[in-house]
Amino acid sequence: MPKKNVVIGFMGTQLDAGQGAGRWEKWRPTISLVQQEDTIIDRLELFYATKHEALARFLARDIATVSPDTVVNLVRMDVADPWDFGDMYAALYDWARSYRFDPAHEQYRAHITTGTHVAQICMFLMVESRFIPGVLLQTAPPWKQQRDNPGSYLLIDLDLSRYDVLAQRFGQAHTEALEFLKSGIPTRNARFNALIEEIERVAVRSQAPILLTGPTGAGKSHLARRMFELKKSRHQVQGDFVEVNCATLRGDGAASTLFGHKKGAFTGAAADRAGLLRMAHKGVLFLDEIGELGVDEQAMLLKAVEEKRFFPMGSDREVSSDFQLVAGTNRDLRIDVAQGRFREDLFARINLWSYTLPGLAQRPEDIEPNVDHLLARYGAESGRAVRFNAEASAKYLQFAKSSDALWSGNFRDLMASVTRMATLADGGRISTSLVDAEIQRLRWLWQPAGESAQSDVRLDDLLPDGAEGELDLFDRLQLEAVVRVCRQAHSLSDGGRRLFDRSRTQRTVVNDADRLRKYLSKFGLTWEKLHR
């Protein structure tokens, strides 16, 4: 047995109006629904406002004249403001939640030709969200007004899975956005790629503050700017990208730089100053090293983020600025909050979306594509193409991915390294001799950190009394080396990756942290004990 056709729609107070004989010569969209020769409307749920009840009843009688088998349910829907999205959506939502839909025996069409534009959009949203389990119905008048010509209609199914080409375009746009955030670099690190994929969704869907953490040089500033450019391409921001390193702000200059000041607010304030928050209006404000802000500036920033309003220095009149905040830090703000250096309420406000960017040493599989990217960028900027010899490339990458490569400056170190080799490359080829020299330079660059990390590993301070004397020389030297690596590493997992950088590739299940934890436990050691 075929399903019944049920149409849900608003009465058109203008298009459906008319009570004289001439009304039959006029195209009326609700009447046209029941005049289609190839479609039978079994029931019509017709929304109307109380003040238009007379017209609604008259229209129902006309429908009965044209299609006596169509049941017309007049549904009174009084909306405080038909042009207010909140009011209109709430009214439709309440109706849909109380309506007894029967998809097994009925198919539903939401008529979007009548009603205010807001009502039509809300009807679209109700169908798209499946609160109304049906499709959209659009009617159109005939080219020439005729009594016997009801015009045409179109059914629009919002199930995008039925539109392969459209779905592919959505997928392509998502892929292009991810590539844009990664600057076109085909990164291979699974953790980093998953992080960027979530950041892409948040960047285009949310205006809430975003907190980027991670070591210096991990790319926080670069990612913040790419997020802004992505939003700009989607017409989600109209203002500028404004960036400031909070570590450079001191004294009165800190509040003045951020919030502006009035002339005469302090010594040297010779003229009014707008401040960076106002410059970021309708745009994105990136506060790098936000943990360096003073407590007073933190309080002012909290008000600006929550209320979009603040007082410039020396002013008794508030100003406004509607910006999205992206904050960056290489510190653990949780520790700063616990020690009273950072406001807990501000941390809670900026921590809705928080992402930790891994350092370069934690992404060894991404070093090669980044080297290729940097060489291509050098070539584009200098007009001189540079490539590695095969042997030189293998040698450089082997060192770059090893535990000897600290990459303490992260991508800044890598960019400087590639730039040096590309500049010195004769004939556009980087040779093994250039790589040997660069490796020596990098070892020297990291030597202070290396010496600090390797200095005085005293096992007798770590092991139980007398335990060191029971170790073979082999075990003692091996344990000392493991302790040095652990003290250089950022985490237990990072230490495991460095120590098991070869054998881990031969395992089907990789759990570097667990392997390292078990090794340390043989000697009664823990990760926490090594970092006291």
Protein backbone atom coordinates (compact mmCIF):
# COMPACT_ATOMS: atom_id res chain seq x y z
CA MET A 1 0.00 0.00 0.00
CA PRO A 2 1.53 3.37 -1.01
CA LYS A 3 2.40 5.86 1.68
CA LYS A 4 0.19 8.89 2.23
CA ASN A 5 1.49 12.31 1.19
CA VAL A 6 1.54 14.86 3.98
CA VAL A 7 2.51 18.50 3.35
CA ILE A 8 3.60 20.81 6.17
CA GLY A 9 3.69 24.53 5.51
CA PHE A 10 2.79 28.10 6.38
CA MET A 11 -0.22 29.88 4.93
CA GLY A 12 0.89 32.76 2.72
CA THR A 13 -0.90 35.86 3.99
CA GLN A 14 -0.21 37.63 0.68
CA LEU A 15 0.20 34.90 -1.93
CA ASP A 16 -2.69 32.76 -0.65
CA ALA A 17 -5.02 35.74 -0.04
CA GLY A 18 -8.12 36.59 -2.05
CA GLN A 19 -11.84 36.03 -1.56
CA GLY A 20 -13.42 37.33 -4.74
CA ALA A 21 -14.16 35.31 -7.86
CA GLY A 22 -10.91 36.52 -9.37
CA ARG A 23 -8.92 34.53 -6.87
CA TRP A 24 -9.23 31.47 -9.12
CA GLU A 25 -7.37 33.29 -11.86
CA LYS A 26 -4.51 33.97 -9.45
CA TRP A 27 -1.73 31.52 -8.59
CA ARG A 28 -1.95 30.64 -4.91
CA PRO A 29 0.91 28.38 -3.76
CA THR A 30 -1.04 26.45 -1.10
CA ILE A 31 -3.96 25.86 -3.48
CA SER A 32 -1.52 24.78 -6.19
CA LEU A 33 -0.37 21.92 -3.95
CA VAL A 34 -3.69 20.10 -4.37
CA GLN A 35 -4.08 20.96 -8.06
CA GLN A 36 -1.15 18.87 -9.31
CA GLU A 37 -2.41 16.08 -11.55
CA ASP A 38 0.40 13.63 -10.72
CA THR A 39 0.34 14.07 -6.93
CA ILE A 40 -2.38 13.50 -4.36
CA ILE A 41 -2.06 15.37 -1.09
CA ASP A 42 -3.72 13.29 1.61
CA ARG A 43 -3.21 15.74 4.44
CA LEU A 44 -2.10 19.33 4.82
CA GLU A 45 -0.74 20.69 8.11
CA LEU A 46 -1.25 24.42 7.60
CA PHE A 47 0.34 26.91 10.05
CA TYR A 48 -1.37 30.28 10.57
CA ALA A 49 -1.44 33.14 13.06
CA THR A 50 -4.59 33.84 15.08
CA LYS A 51 -5.06 37.22 13.44
CA HIS A 52 -5.32 35.49 10.04
CA GLU A 53 -7.75 32.76 11.14
CA ALA A 54 -10.55 33.98 8.85
CA LEU A 55 -8.26 33.70 5.82
CA ALA A 56 -7.06 30.25 6.95
CA ARG A 57 -10.63 28.92 7.18
CA PHE A 58 -11.55 30.45 3.82
CA LEU A 59 -8.46 28.84 2.26
CA ALA A 60 -9.39 25.47 3.77
CA ARG A 61 -12.83 25.70 2.13
CA ASP A 62 -11.24 26.46 -1.24
CA ILE A 63 -8.96 23.42 -0.86
CA ALA A 64 -12.02 21.27 -0.11
CA THR A 65 -13.61 22.56 -3.33
CA VAL A 66 -10.58 21.59 -5.44
CA SER A 67 -9.54 18.43 -3.57
CA PRO A 68 -12.30 17.13 -1.25
CA ASP A 69 -10.19 14.12 -0.21
CA THR A 70 -7.43 16.30 1.24
CA VAL A 71 -7.66 16.65 5.00
CA VAL A 72 -6.68 20.16 6.12
CA ASN A 73 -5.47 20.58 9.68
CA LEU A 74 -5.34 24.24 10.60
CA VAL A 75 -2.49 24.66 13.11
CA ARG A 76 -2.48 27.92 15.05
CA MET A 77 1.10 29.12 15.48
CA ASP A 78 1.51 32.55 17.03
CA VAL A 79 5.13 33.71 16.92
CA ALA A 80 6.09 36.84 18.84
CA ASP A 81 8.32 38.02 15.98
CA PRO A 82 8.06 36.05 12.69
CA TRP A 83 11.38 37.62 11.62
CA ASP A 84 13.25 36.45 14.72
CA PHE A 85 15.17 33.21 14.19
CA GLY A 86 14.98 32.19 17.83
CA ASP A 87 11.23 32.70 18.11
CA MET A 88 10.43 31.03 14.80
CA TYR A 89 12.73 28.04 15.26
CA ALA A 90 11.43 27.47 18.81
CA ALA A 91 7.82 27.43 17.56
CA LEU A 92 8.57 24.90 14.81
CA TYR A 93 10.73 22.82 17.14
CA ASP A 94 7.98 22.62 19.79
CA TRP A 95 5.42 21.61 17.16
CA ALA A 96 7.68 18.93 15.64
CA ARG A 97 8.52 17.41 19.03
CA SER A 98 4.84 17.00 19.87
CA TYR A 99 3.71 15.86 16.41
CA ARG A 100 3.20 12.14 15.84
CA PHE A 101 5.18 11.37 12.71
CA ASP A 102 4.57 7.99 11.09
CA PRO A 103 7.31 7.53 8.46
CA ALA A 104 6.36 3.90 7.96
CA HIS A 105 2.99 4.89 6.48
CA GLU A 106 3.42 8.57 5.52
CA GLN A 107 5.91 10.65 3.56
CA TYR A 108 6.37 14.28 4.51
CA ARG A 109 7.00 17.39 2.41
CA ALA A 110 7.92 20.73 4.01
CA HIS A 111 6.51 23.52 1.84
CA ILE A 112 9.05 26.41 1.74
CA THR A 113 7.40 28.75 -0.77
CA THR A 114 5.20 30.53 1.77
CA GLY A 115 5.94 32.22 5.10
CA THR A 116 8.63 34.77 5.94
CA HIS A 117 12.19 34.16 4.76
CA VAL A 118 13.06 33.33 8.36
CA ALA A 119 10.25 30.77 8.47
CA GLN A 120 11.51 29.20 5.26
CA ILE A 121 15.07 28.97 6.61
CA CYS A 122 13.85 27.46 9.87
CA MET A 123 11.78 24.93 7.93
CA PHE A 124 14.94 24.03 6.02
CA LEU A 125 16.82 23.54 9.31
CA MET A 126 14.06 21.35 10.72
CA VAL A 127 14.27 19.04 7.71
CA GLU A 128 18.07 19.11 7.57
CA SER A 129 18.27 18.10 11.25
CA ARG A 130 15.59 15.42 10.68
CA PHE A 131 13.19 16.88 13.25
CA ILE A 132 10.84 16.78 10.26
CA PRO A 133 11.62 13.42 8.61
CA GLY A 134 10.97 14.39 5.02
CA VAL A 135 12.04 16.49 2.05
CA LEU A 136 11.55 20.11 1.03
CA LEU A 137 8.80 21.07 -1.41
CA GLN A 138 9.15 24.18 -3.57
CA THR A 139 6.23 25.40 -5.72
CA ALA A 140 6.43 27.92 -8.58
CA PRO A 141 3.79 29.79 -10.61
CA PRO A 142 3.14 29.12 -14.30
CA TRP A 143 4.65 31.39 -16.92
CA LYS A 144 1.18 32.74 -17.62
CA GLN A 145 -1.58 33.01 -15.02
CA GLN A 146 -4.33 30.53 -15.94
CA ARG A 147 -7.15 28.98 -13.93
CA ASP A 148 -6.26 25.44 -14.98
CA ASN A 149 -2.47 25.78 -14.66
CA PRO A 150 -1.27 25.21 -11.05
CA GLY A 151 2.38 25.83 -11.91
CA SER A 152 5.15 23.42 -11.01
CA TYR A 153 6.74 21.92 -7.93
CA LEU A 154 10.14 20.51 -6.98
CA LEU A 155 11.13 18.06 -4.25
CA ILE A 156 14.52 18.68 -2.61
CA ASP A 157 16.08 15.85 -0.60
CA LEU A 158 18.66 17.11 1.91
CA ASP A 159 20.28 13.69 2.31
CA LEU A 160 23.68 14.62 0.86
CA SER A 161 24.66 10.97 0.58
CA ARG A 162 22.38 10.86 -2.48
CA TYR A 163 24.37 13.59 -4.17
CA ASP A 164 27.76 12.02 -4.84
CA VAL A 165 29.18 15.00 -6.69
CA LEU A 166 28.12 17.40 -3.95
CA ALA A 167 29.46 15.10 -1.27
CA GLN A 168 32.76 14.90 -3.14
CA ARG A 169 32.93 18.68 -3.21
CA PHE A 170 32.45 18.82 0.55
CA GLY A 171 35.19 16.22 0.95
CA GLN A 172 37.48 18.11 -1.42
CA ALA A 173 36.94 21.36 0.48
CA HIS A 174 37.81 19.58 3.74
CA THR A 175 40.98 18.09 2.22
CA GLU A 176 42.02 21.44 0.79
CA ALA A 177 41.52 23.09 4.18
CA LEU A 178 43.74 20.49 5.88
CA GLU A 179 46.46 20.95 3.26
CA PHE A 180 46.20 24.71 3.69
CA LEU A 181 46.69 24.50 7.47
CA LYS A 182 49.74 22.26 6.89
CA SER A 183 51.10 24.64 4.20
CA GLY A 184 50.81 21.86 1.63
CA ILE A 185 53.33 19.66 3.48
CA PRO A 186 52.33 15.95 3.27
CA THR A 187 52.91 15.26 6.96
CA ARG A 188 52.99 11.61 8.05
CA ASN A 189 52.80 11.79 11.84
CA ALA A 190 49.41 10.32 12.79
CA ARG A 191 49.09 12.31 16.01
CA PHE A 192 49.85 15.61 14.29
CA ASN A 193 47.50 14.89 11.37
CA ALA A 194 44.64 14.02 13.73
CA LEU A 195 45.29 17.23 15.66
CA ILE A 196 45.20 19.35 12.48
CA GLU A 197 42.01 17.63 11.32
CA GLU A 198 40.21 18.65 14.51
CA ILE A 199 41.66 22.16 14.42
CA GLU A 200 40.28 22.57 10.87
CA ARG A 201 36.76 21.76 12.04
CA VAL A 202 37.03 24.07 15.05
CA ALA A 203 38.55 26.91 13.02
CA VAL A 204 35.64 27.08 10.57
CA ARG A 205 32.86 26.37 13.06
CA SER A 206 33.78 28.21 16.25
CA GLN A 207 34.52 31.77 17.35
CA ALA A 208 35.57 30.66 20.85
CA PRO A 209 39.14 31.18 22.12
CA ILE A 210 41.74 28.60 21.10
CA LEU A 211 44.85 27.75 23.14
CA LEU A 212 47.94 26.41 21.32
CA THR A 213 50.65 24.97 23.54
CA GLY A 214 53.98 23.41 22.71
CA PRO A 215 57.71 24.13 22.71
CA THR A 216 59.21 27.22 21.12
CA GLY A 217 59.50 26.82 17.36
CA ALA A 218 56.79 24.14 17.11
CA GLY A 219 54.76 26.36 14.75
CA LYS A 220 52.12 27.95 16.98
CA SER A 221 52.33 31.39 15.38
CA HIS A 222 52.34 29.96 11.86
CA LEU A 223 49.31 27.76 12.57
CA ALA A 224 47.39 30.66 14.13
CA ARG A 225 47.93 32.76 10.98
CA ARG A 226 46.87 29.88 8.72
CA MET A 227 43.70 29.44 10.78
CA PHE A 228 42.93 33.13 10.27
CA GLU A 229 43.56 32.90 6.53
CA LEU A 230 41.29 29.85 6.33
CA LYS A 231 38.49 31.73 8.12
CA LYS A 232 39.10 34.73 5.87
CA SER A 233 38.67 32.56 2.77
CA ARG A 234 35.31 31.38 4.15
CA HIS A 235 34.21 35.00 4.81
CA GLN A 236 34.03 34.30 8.55
CA VAL A 237 36.22 37.25 9.54
CA GLN A 238 36.38 40.73 8.08
CA GLY A 239 39.15 42.20 10.25
CA ASP A 240 42.89 41.65 10.45
CA PHE A 241 45.25 39.14 12.03
CA VAL A 242 46.94 40.93 14.92
CA GLU A 243 49.89 39.24 16.64
CA VAL A 244 51.89 40.17 19.71
CA ASN A 245 54.43 38.31 21.83
CA CYS A 246 53.40 38.95 25.42
CA ALA A 247 56.96 38.33 26.61
CA THR A 248 57.86 41.70 25.08
CA LEU A 249 55.23 43.60 27.09
CA ARG A 250 56.34 45.22 30.31
CA GLY A 251 54.93 47.78 32.77
CA ASP A 252 52.50 50.46 31.59
CA GLY A 253 53.42 49.57 28.03
CA ALA A 254 51.74 46.17 28.37
CA ALA A 255 48.24 47.48 29.07
CA SER A 256 48.72 50.37 26.64
CA THR A 257 49.80 48.08 23.80
CA LEU A 258 46.86 45.73 24.29
CA PHE A 259 44.02 47.95 25.44
CA GLY A 260 45.12 51.42 24.30
CA HIS A 261 45.23 54.60 26.33
CA LYS A 262 43.99 58.15 26.50
CA LYS A 263 46.34 61.07 26.07
CA GLY A 264 48.03 61.84 29.39
CA ALA A 265 47.22 58.45 30.94
CA PHE A 266 50.88 58.11 32.01
CA THR A 267 54.20 59.79 31.41
CA GLY A 268 54.94 59.68 27.70
CA ALA A 269 51.32 59.18 26.61
CA ALA A 270 51.34 62.18 24.26
CA ALA A 271 48.38 61.04 22.15
CA ASP A 272 45.47 58.62 22.19
CA ARG A 273 46.29 55.02 21.26
CA ALA A 274 43.74 52.47 20.03
CA GLY A 275 45.54 49.32 21.20
CA LEU A 276 45.84 45.91 19.57
CA LEU A 277 42.49 44.58 20.81
CA ARG A 278 40.64 47.29 18.90
CA MET A 279 42.85 46.72 15.85
CA ALA A 280 41.70 43.08 15.90
CA HIS A 281 37.99 44.01 15.71
CA LYS A 282 36.14 41.48 13.51
CA GLY A 283 39.44 39.62 13.13
CA VAL A 284 41.78 37.34 15.09
CA LEU A 285 44.08 38.37 17.95
CA PHE A 286 47.03 36.03 18.53
CA LEU A 287 48.65 36.46 21.95
CA ASP A 288 51.84 34.41 21.89
CA GLU A 289 53.38 33.50 25.25
CA ILE A 290 50.18 34.52 27.03
CA GLY A 291 51.60 33.10 30.27
CA GLU A 292 53.96 36.11 30.42
CA LEU A 293 51.09 38.59 30.86
CA GLY A 294 50.89 40.40 34.17
CA VAL A 295 48.01 39.70 36.55
CA ASP A 296 46.36 43.09 35.91
CA GLU A 297 46.47 42.59 32.15
CA GLN A 298 45.03 39.09 32.61
CA ALA A 299 42.02 40.54 34.45
CA MET A 300 41.46 43.15 31.73
CA LEU A 301 41.79 40.51 29.02
CA LEU A 302 39.21 38.26 30.70
CA LYS A 303 36.65 41.07 30.63
CA ALA A 304 37.47 41.84 26.99
CA VAL A 305 37.06 38.19 25.96
CA GLU A 306 33.81 37.64 27.87
CA GLU A 307 32.07 40.98 27.31
CA LYS A 308 33.82 42.29 24.16
CA ARG A 309 34.24 45.55 26.10
CA PHE A 310 37.06 47.09 28.13
CA PHE A 311 38.50 50.36 29.45
CA PRO A 312 41.57 51.86 27.75
CA MET A 313 44.16 53.16 30.21
CA GLY A 314 43.20 56.52 31.63
CA SER A 315 39.66 56.40 30.20
CA ASP A 316 36.35 56.24 32.07
CA ARG A 317 34.47 55.20 28.93
CA GLU A 318 34.35 51.62 27.69
CA VAL A 319 35.19 50.70 24.12
CA SER A 320 34.24 47.52 22.28
CA SER A 321 36.03 45.03 20.06
CA ASP A 322 34.64 41.76 18.74
CA PHE A 323 37.63 39.53 18.03
CA GLN A 324 38.50 35.84 18.25
CA LEU A 325 41.37 35.09 20.61
CA VAL A 326 44.05 32.54 19.78
CA ALA A 327 46.61 32.18 22.57
CA GLY A 328 49.98 30.47 22.49
CA THR A 329 52.35 29.34 25.24
CA ASN A 330 55.30 27.00 25.80
CA ARG A 331 54.44 26.79 29.50
CA ASP A 332 52.10 24.49 31.36
CA LEU A 333 49.49 27.02 32.45
CA ARG A 334 48.01 24.50 34.88
CA ILE A 335 51.17 24.82 36.95
CA ASP A 336 51.06 28.60 36.69
CA VAL A 337 47.44 28.56 37.88
CA ALA A 338 48.31 26.33 40.83
CA GLN A 339 51.19 28.65 41.79
CA GLY A 340 49.11 31.81 41.41
CA ARG A 341 50.94 33.22 38.38
CA PHE A 342 47.98 32.85 36.01
CA ARG A 343 44.32 33.55 36.70
CA GLU A 344 42.23 30.41 36.98
CA ASP A 345 39.14 32.09 35.47
CA LEU A 346 41.08 33.30 32.42
CA PHE A 347 42.63 29.86 31.94
CA ALA A 348 39.16 28.28 32.07
CA ARG A 349 37.91 30.80 29.49
CA ILE A 350 40.69 30.24 26.94
CA ASN A 351 40.94 26.48 27.47
CA LEU A 352 37.74 25.47 25.66
CA TRP A 353 39.79 24.36 22.65
CA SER A 354 43.34 23.45 23.69
CA TYR A 355 45.90 21.79 21.42
CA THR A 356 49.50 20.79 22.11
CA LEU A 357 51.75 20.93 19.06
CA PRO A 358 54.47 18.27 19.22
CA GLY A 359 58.08 19.31 18.73
CA LEU A 360 60.09 18.26 15.69
CA ALA A 361 61.93 15.53 17.61
CA GLN A 362 58.54 13.96 18.36
CA ARG A 363 57.68 13.87 14.65
CA PRO A 364 60.70 12.20 13.00
CA GLU A 365 58.59 10.90 10.11
CA ASP A 366 57.71 14.51 9.21
CA ILE A 367 61.30 15.70 8.89
CA GLU A 368 61.74 14.53 5.28
CA PRO A 369 58.60 16.20 3.85
CA ASN A 370 59.48 19.39 5.75
CA VAL A 371 63.00 19.36 4.31
CA ASP A 372 61.52 18.98 0.81
CA HIS A 373 59.12 21.86 1.52
CA LEU A 374 61.91 24.13 2.78
CA LEU A 375 64.09 23.37 -0.25
CA ALA A 376 61.18 24.15 -2.59
CA ARG A 377 60.52 27.42 -0.74
CA TYR A 378 64.20 28.35 -0.90
CA GLY A 379 64.17 27.73 -4.63
CA ALA A 380 61.07 29.86 -5.14
CA GLU A 381 62.49 32.75 -3.11
CA SER A 382 66.03 32.65 -4.51
CA GLY A 383 65.26 31.56 -8.07
CA ARG A 384 67.83 28.79 -7.65
CA ALA A 385 66.77 25.13 -7.42
CA VAL A 386 68.70 23.06 -4.88
CA ARG A 387 68.62 19.29 -4.33
CA PHE A 388 70.43 16.69 -2.20
CA ASN A 389 72.67 14.01 -3.64
CA ALA A 390 71.11 10.63 -2.81
CA GLU A 391 73.89 9.69 -0.37
CA ALA A 392 73.83 13.13 1.26
CA SER A 393 70.06 12.99 1.69
CA ALA A 394 70.21 9.58 3.36
CA LYS A 395 72.99 10.71 5.69
CA TYR A 396 71.26 13.93 6.73
CA LEU A 397 67.89 12.25 7.33
CA GLN A 398 69.49 9.44 9.33
CA PHE A 399 71.03 11.99 11.68
CA ALA A 400 67.95 14.24 11.73
CA LYS A 401 65.73 11.36 12.86
CA SER A 402 68.16 9.96 15.43
CA SER A 403 68.21 10.60 19.17
CA ASP A 404 71.38 12.67 18.67
CA ALA A 405 69.33 15.36 16.92
CA LEU A 406 67.77 17.35 19.76
CA TRP A 407 66.02 19.94 17.56
CA SER A 408 65.72 22.15 20.62
CA GLY A 409 64.66 25.05 18.40
CA ASN A 410 62.28 22.77 16.49
CA PHE A 411 61.34 24.03 13.02
CA ARG A 412 63.45 27.16 13.41
CA ASP A 413 66.51 24.92 13.73
CA LEU A 414 65.46 22.85 10.71
CA MET A 415 64.79 25.91 8.54
CA ALA A 416 68.16 27.42 9.46
CA SER A 417 69.90 24.10 8.76
CA VAL A 418 68.34 23.65 5.30
CA THR A 419 68.96 27.31 4.43
CA ARG A 420 72.66 27.00 5.29
CA MET A 421 73.14 23.89 3.15
CA ALA A 422 71.11 25.31 0.23
CA THR A 423 73.08 28.56 0.26
CA LEU A 424 76.46 26.77 0.23
CA ALA A 425 75.45 24.13 -2.35
CA ASP A 426 77.57 24.51 -5.50
CA GLY A 427 75.72 23.75 -8.71
CA GLY A 428 72.49 23.38 -6.78
CA ARG A 429 73.56 20.05 -5.23
CA ILE A 430 73.96 19.41 -1.49
CA SER A 431 76.88 17.00 -1.07
CA THR A 432 77.89 14.64 1.73
CA SER A 433 80.69 17.03 2.72
CA LEU A 434 78.13 19.81 3.23
CA VAL A 435 75.96 17.44 5.28
CA ASP A 436 78.96 16.40 7.42
CA ALA A 437 79.76 20.04 8.13
CA GLU A 438 76.13 20.82 8.93
CA ILE A 439 75.84 17.88 11.31
CA GLN A 440 78.97 19.12 13.10
CA ARG A 441 77.46 22.59 13.32
CA LEU A 442 74.20 21.24 14.76
CA ARG A 443 76.06 19.14 17.34
CA TRP A 444 77.93 22.28 18.40
CA LEU A 445 74.68 24.29 18.46
CA TRP A 446 73.08 21.79 20.82
CA GLN A 447 76.24 21.10 22.84
CA PRO A 448 75.30 23.19 25.93
CA ALA A 449 71.98 21.36 26.20
CA GLY A 450 73.76 18.06 25.59
CA GLU A 451 76.37 18.72 28.25
CA SER A 452 73.72 19.77 30.74
CA ALA A 453 71.67 16.69 30.04
CA GLN A 454 74.67 14.35 30.27
CA SER A 455 76.42 15.91 33.24
CA ASP A 456 76.94 13.82 36.34
CA VAL A 457 74.43 10.98 35.99
CA ARG A 458 74.93 9.64 39.50
CA LEU A 459 73.25 6.27 39.78
CA ASP A 460 73.97 6.12 43.49
CA ASP A 461 71.57 9.08 43.91
CA LEU A 462 68.86 7.19 42.04
CA LEU A 463 69.29 3.56 43.04
CA PRO A 464 68.83 2.03 46.51
CA ASP A 465 71.91 2.02 48.73
CA GLY A 466 74.55 -0.36 47.42
CA ALA A 467 72.58 -1.30 44.31
CA GLU A 468 75.01 0.43 41.93
CA GLY A 469 77.88 -1.74 43.14
CA GLU A 470 75.96 -4.87 42.17
CA LEU A 471 75.60 -3.81 38.53
CA ASP A 472 77.88 -5.12 35.79
CA LEU A 473 79.80 -2.42 33.94
CA PHE A 474 77.64 -3.14 30.87
CA ASP A 475 74.40 -2.63 32.82
CA ARG A 476 75.69 0.49 34.54
CA LEU A 477 76.80 2.18 31.30
CA GLN A 478 73.56 1.23 29.59
CA LEU A 479 71.45 2.55 32.45
CA GLU A 480 73.43 5.82 32.55
CA ALA A 481 72.80 6.31 28.82
CA VAL A 482 69.08 5.60 29.23
CA VAL A 483 68.85 8.11 32.10
CA ARG A 484 70.53 10.79 29.94
CA VAL A 485 68.05 10.26 27.11
CA CYS A 486 65.11 10.31 29.53
CA ARG A 487 66.26 13.63 30.96
CA GLN A 488 66.43 15.12 27.45
CA ALA A 489 63.01 13.78 26.45
CA HIS A 490 59.72 15.65 26.83
CA SER A 491 57.73 12.65 28.02
CA LEU A 492 57.90 8.92 28.68
CA SER A 493 56.62 8.24 25.15
CA ASP A 494 59.18 10.62 23.65
CA GLY A 495 61.98 8.91 25.57
CA GLY A 496 60.77 5.51 24.37
CA ARG A 497 60.66 6.66 20.75
CA ARG A 498 64.24 7.90 20.98
CA LEU A 499 65.57 4.76 22.64
CA PHE A 500 63.71 2.25 20.45
CA ASP A 501 63.89 4.23 17.18
CA ARG A 502 64.95 1.17 15.15
CA SER A 503 63.32 -1.86 16.80
CA ARG A 504 59.95 -0.10 17.07
CA THR A 505 59.56 -0.25 13.26
CA GLN A 506 59.72 -4.05 13.37
CA ARG A 507 56.88 -4.45 15.89
CA THR A 508 53.23 -4.90 15.01
CA VAL A 509 52.15 -3.27 18.29
CA VAL A 510 54.21 -0.23 19.31
CA ASN A 511 54.18 0.87 22.95
CA ASP A 512 57.46 2.67 23.54
CA ALA A 513 56.33 4.14 26.85
CA ASP A 514 55.48 0.72 28.27
CA ARG A 515 58.83 -0.76 27.16
CA LEU A 516 60.76 2.08 28.80
CA ARG A 517 58.65 1.92 31.96
CA LYS A 518 59.35 -1.81 32.34
CA TYR A 519 63.08 -1.30 31.78
CA LEU A 520 63.28 1.41 34.45
CA SER A 521 61.21 -0.63 36.89
CA LYS A 522 63.85 -3.41 36.81
CA PHE A 523 66.10 -0.99 38.67
CA GLY A 524 63.37 0.41 40.89
CA LEU A 525 63.23 3.65 38.87
CA THR A 526 60.28 5.68 37.57
CA TRP A 527 59.98 8.51 35.06
CA GLU A 528 58.98 10.90 37.84
CA LYS A 529 62.03 9.98 39.92
CA LEU A 530 64.38 10.81 37.02
CA HIS A 531 62.88 14.32 36.69
CA ARG A 532 62.89 15.44 40.31
